[in-house]
Amino acid sequence: MNKELLLLRHGKSDWKTDTTDFYRPLNKRGEHNAQQIGVWLKEQQLIPDLIISSPATRAFTTAEIVCSAMGVSTNAVQTAQNIYEASLADLRQVLSTIPDTTSRLLLVGHNPGFEYLLRHLAPGIPTPDDGKLMPTATLAYLQLDPKWTFLQDSYLIQRGKDLSA
């Protein structure tokens, strides 16, 4: 059985907050987009078996809001430190630890790591005109082989700025 990988870049963060990058919260638009993505995932019946988030505030809050909108307990969100400021190798390592019993995985994290991973798994994916493959609140869907390694199909499902369209 193929595996499904959902990559979600965190919602828009609040740069007006006087804090370090790790603790930067979401702004109102980021909260709203996370809610929309959760509702959309529920409507599409794409509820993940496993949710792993960066522990950074903006990513973890995005994961919690998405869970609430899907009707999933926010206690279901696990964190992995190596998703924050992740390299491609870090993210591949996270994927290599996913149990084979997991069919659909939601990773919530950051750029540029998520763009590196998406381009690695889907080398032919077209770059949007604005050059941003995964702006904030973007969700990508990929189908992988049964061992969480080789790509079979992928495409961008939602981009935060398009959710209200």
Protein backbone atom coordinates (compact mmCIF):
# COMPACT_ATOMS: atom_id res chain seq x y z
CA MET A 1 0.00 0.00 0.00
CA ASN A 2 1.33 3.44 -0.91
CA LYS A 3 2.07 6.02 1.76
CA GLU A 4 0.65 9.54 1.68
CA LEU A 5 2.75 12.46 2.83
CA LEU A 6 1.18 15.82 3.60
CA LEU A 7 3.71 18.63 3.97
CA LEU A 8 2.28 21.75 5.58
CA ARG A 9 4.31 24.89 5.95
CA HIS A 10 3.25 26.81 9.04
CA GLY A 11 0.83 29.72 8.78
CA LYS A 12 1.95 33.34 8.50
CA SER A 13 3.84 34.42 11.59
CA ASP A 14 3.65 37.66 13.54
CA TRP A 15 6.84 39.61 12.90
CA LYS A 16 5.64 42.45 15.16
CA THR A 17 6.16 40.29 18.25
CA ASP A 18 9.38 40.97 20.12
CA THR A 19 10.67 37.41 20.44
CA THR A 20 13.20 35.03 18.95
CA ASP A 21 12.51 33.15 15.72
CA PHE A 22 11.72 29.89 17.54
CA TYR A 23 8.97 31.49 19.65
CA ARG A 24 7.40 33.68 16.96
CA PRO A 25 3.59 33.16 17.02
CA LEU A 26 1.11 33.07 14.17
CA ASN A 27 -0.65 36.24 13.14
CA LYS A 28 -4.43 36.36 12.55
CA ARG A 29 -4.07 35.40 8.87
CA GLY A 30 -1.89 32.44 9.86
CA GLU A 31 -4.49 31.26 12.35
CA HIS A 32 -7.28 31.67 9.79
CA ASN A 33 -5.38 29.79 7.06
CA ALA A 34 -4.54 26.93 9.44
CA GLN A 35 -8.25 26.64 10.27
CA GLN A 36 -9.14 26.57 6.57
CA ILE A 37 -6.58 23.86 5.84
CA GLY A 38 -7.90 21.70 8.68
CA VAL A 39 -11.47 22.06 7.43
CA TRP A 40 -10.35 21.25 3.89
CA LEU A 41 -8.44 18.14 5.02
CA LYS A 42 -11.53 16.92 6.86
CA GLU A 43 -13.78 17.59 3.86
CA GLN A 44 -11.37 15.69 1.59
CA GLN A 45 -11.17 12.82 4.10
CA LEU A 46 -7.41 13.26 4.37
CA ILE A 47 -7.14 12.87 8.13
CA PRO A 48 -3.56 11.80 8.91
CA ASP A 49 -2.65 8.73 10.95
CA LEU A 50 0.34 10.56 12.38
CA ILE A 51 1.07 14.28 12.82
CA ILE A 52 4.60 15.47 13.48
CA SER A 53 5.42 19.16 13.86
CA SER A 54 8.40 21.33 14.39
CA PRO A 55 8.35 22.44 18.03
CA ALA A 56 8.65 26.10 16.97
CA THR A 57 5.61 28.06 18.18
CA ARG A 58 4.25 29.02 14.74
CA ALA A 59 4.48 25.45 13.41
CA PHE A 60 3.13 23.73 16.52
CA THR A 61 0.23 26.21 16.75
CA THR A 62 -0.54 25.60 13.07
CA ALA A 63 -0.66 21.85 13.77
CA GLU A 64 -2.95 22.35 16.78
CA ILE A 65 -5.38 24.55 14.83
CA VAL A 66 -5.43 22.09 11.91
CA CYS A 67 -6.15 19.23 14.33
CA SER A 68 -8.99 21.11 15.99
CA ALA A 69 -10.55 21.87 12.60
CA MET A 70 -10.27 18.19 11.60
CA GLY A 71 -11.83 17.04 14.86
CA VAL A 72 -8.58 15.41 15.99
CA SER A 73 -7.22 15.85 19.50
CA THR A 74 -4.38 18.34 19.66
CA ASN A 75 -2.67 15.77 21.90
CA ALA A 76 -2.10 13.77 18.72
CA VAL A 77 0.59 16.22 17.58
CA GLN A 78 4.10 14.91 18.11
CA THR A 79 7.16 17.12 17.74
CA ALA A 80 10.56 16.51 16.19
CA GLN A 81 13.27 19.06 16.95
CA ASN A 82 15.08 18.32 13.69
CA ILE A 83 12.17 19.69 11.62
CA TYR A 84 13.07 23.20 12.85
CA GLU A 85 15.80 24.66 10.62
CA ALA A 86 15.83 21.31 8.80
CA SER A 87 18.08 20.35 5.95
CA LEU A 88 17.00 17.86 3.32
CA ALA A 89 18.98 15.19 5.19
CA ASP A 90 17.17 16.06 8.45
CA LEU A 91 13.76 15.68 6.83
CA ARG A 92 14.70 12.46 5.07
CA GLN A 93 15.85 11.16 8.44
CA VAL A 94 12.46 12.04 9.97
CA LEU A 95 10.71 10.14 7.17
CA SER A 96 12.95 7.12 7.67
CA THR A 97 11.70 6.78 11.25
CA ILE A 98 7.99 6.68 10.37
CA PRO A 99 6.45 3.30 11.23
CA ASP A 100 5.34 1.24 8.24
CA THR A 101 1.91 1.04 9.87
CA THR A 102 1.44 4.77 9.19
CA SER A 103 -0.43 5.27 5.92
CA ARG A 104 -0.88 9.05 5.94
CA LEU A 105 1.60 11.41 7.60
CA LEU A 106 1.25 15.15 8.16
CA LEU A 107 4.52 17.01 8.70
CA VAL A 108 4.23 20.65 9.80
CA GLY A 109 7.34 22.75 9.44
CA HIS A 110 9.35 25.39 7.66
CA ASN A 111 11.14 26.57 4.58
CA PRO A 112 13.60 26.22 3.10
CA GLY A 113 13.65 22.60 4.29
CA PHE A 114 10.17 21.75 3.05
CA GLU A 115 10.93 23.15 -0.39
CA TYR A 116 14.16 21.10 -0.47
CA LEU A 117 12.24 17.95 0.43
CA LEU A 118 9.45 18.62 -2.05
CA ARG A 119 11.91 19.28 -4.89
CA HIS A 120 13.83 16.13 -3.92
CA LEU A 121 10.74 13.93 -3.91
CA ALA A 122 9.10 15.60 -6.92
CA PRO A 123 11.92 16.92 -9.11
CA GLY A 124 9.56 17.80 -11.96
CA ILE A 125 7.18 19.91 -9.89
CA PRO A 126 6.80 23.31 -11.57
CA THR A 127 7.84 26.44 -9.75
CA PRO A 128 5.03 29.01 -9.47
CA ASP A 129 5.50 32.37 -11.18
CA ASP A 130 6.33 34.06 -7.87
CA GLY A 131 9.20 31.59 -7.33
CA LYS A 132 7.76 30.39 -4.01
CA LEU A 133 6.98 26.70 -4.08
CA MET A 134 5.76 26.63 -0.47
CA PRO A 135 4.78 30.02 0.90
CA THR A 136 3.20 30.08 4.35
CA ALA A 137 0.12 27.90 4.84
CA THR A 138 0.84 25.76 1.78
CA LEU A 139 -0.06 22.09 1.79
CA ALA A 140 1.62 19.59 -0.53
CA TYR A 141 0.41 16.02 -1.08
CA LEU A 142 2.71 13.21 -2.17
CA GLN A 143 2.27 9.49 -2.66
CA LEU A 144 5.32 7.46 -1.71
CA ASP A 145 6.18 3.80 -1.97
CA PRO A 146 5.35 1.50 0.95
CA LYS A 147 8.66 2.26 2.69
CA TRP A 148 8.35 6.08 2.78
CA THR A 149 11.03 6.61 0.15
CA PHE A 150 10.24 6.85 -3.56
CA LEU A 151 7.79 9.31 -5.04
CA GLN A 152 4.97 8.09 -7.25
CA ASP A 153 2.76 11.16 -7.60
CA SER A 154 2.70 14.65 -6.19
CA TYR A 155 1.12 18.03 -6.55
CA LEU A 156 0.37 21.12 -4.56
CA ILE A 157 -3.10 20.79 -3.10
CA GLN A 158 -3.61 24.17 -1.49
CA ARG A 159 -1.70 27.40 -1.18
CA GLY A 160 -2.69 29.63 1.70
CA LYS A 161 -3.37 32.65 -0.49
CA ASP A 162 -5.72 30.57 -2.67
CA LEU A 163 -7.80 29.04 0.13
CA SER A 164 -10.53 31.67 0.04
CA ALA A 165 -10.82 31.55 -3.75
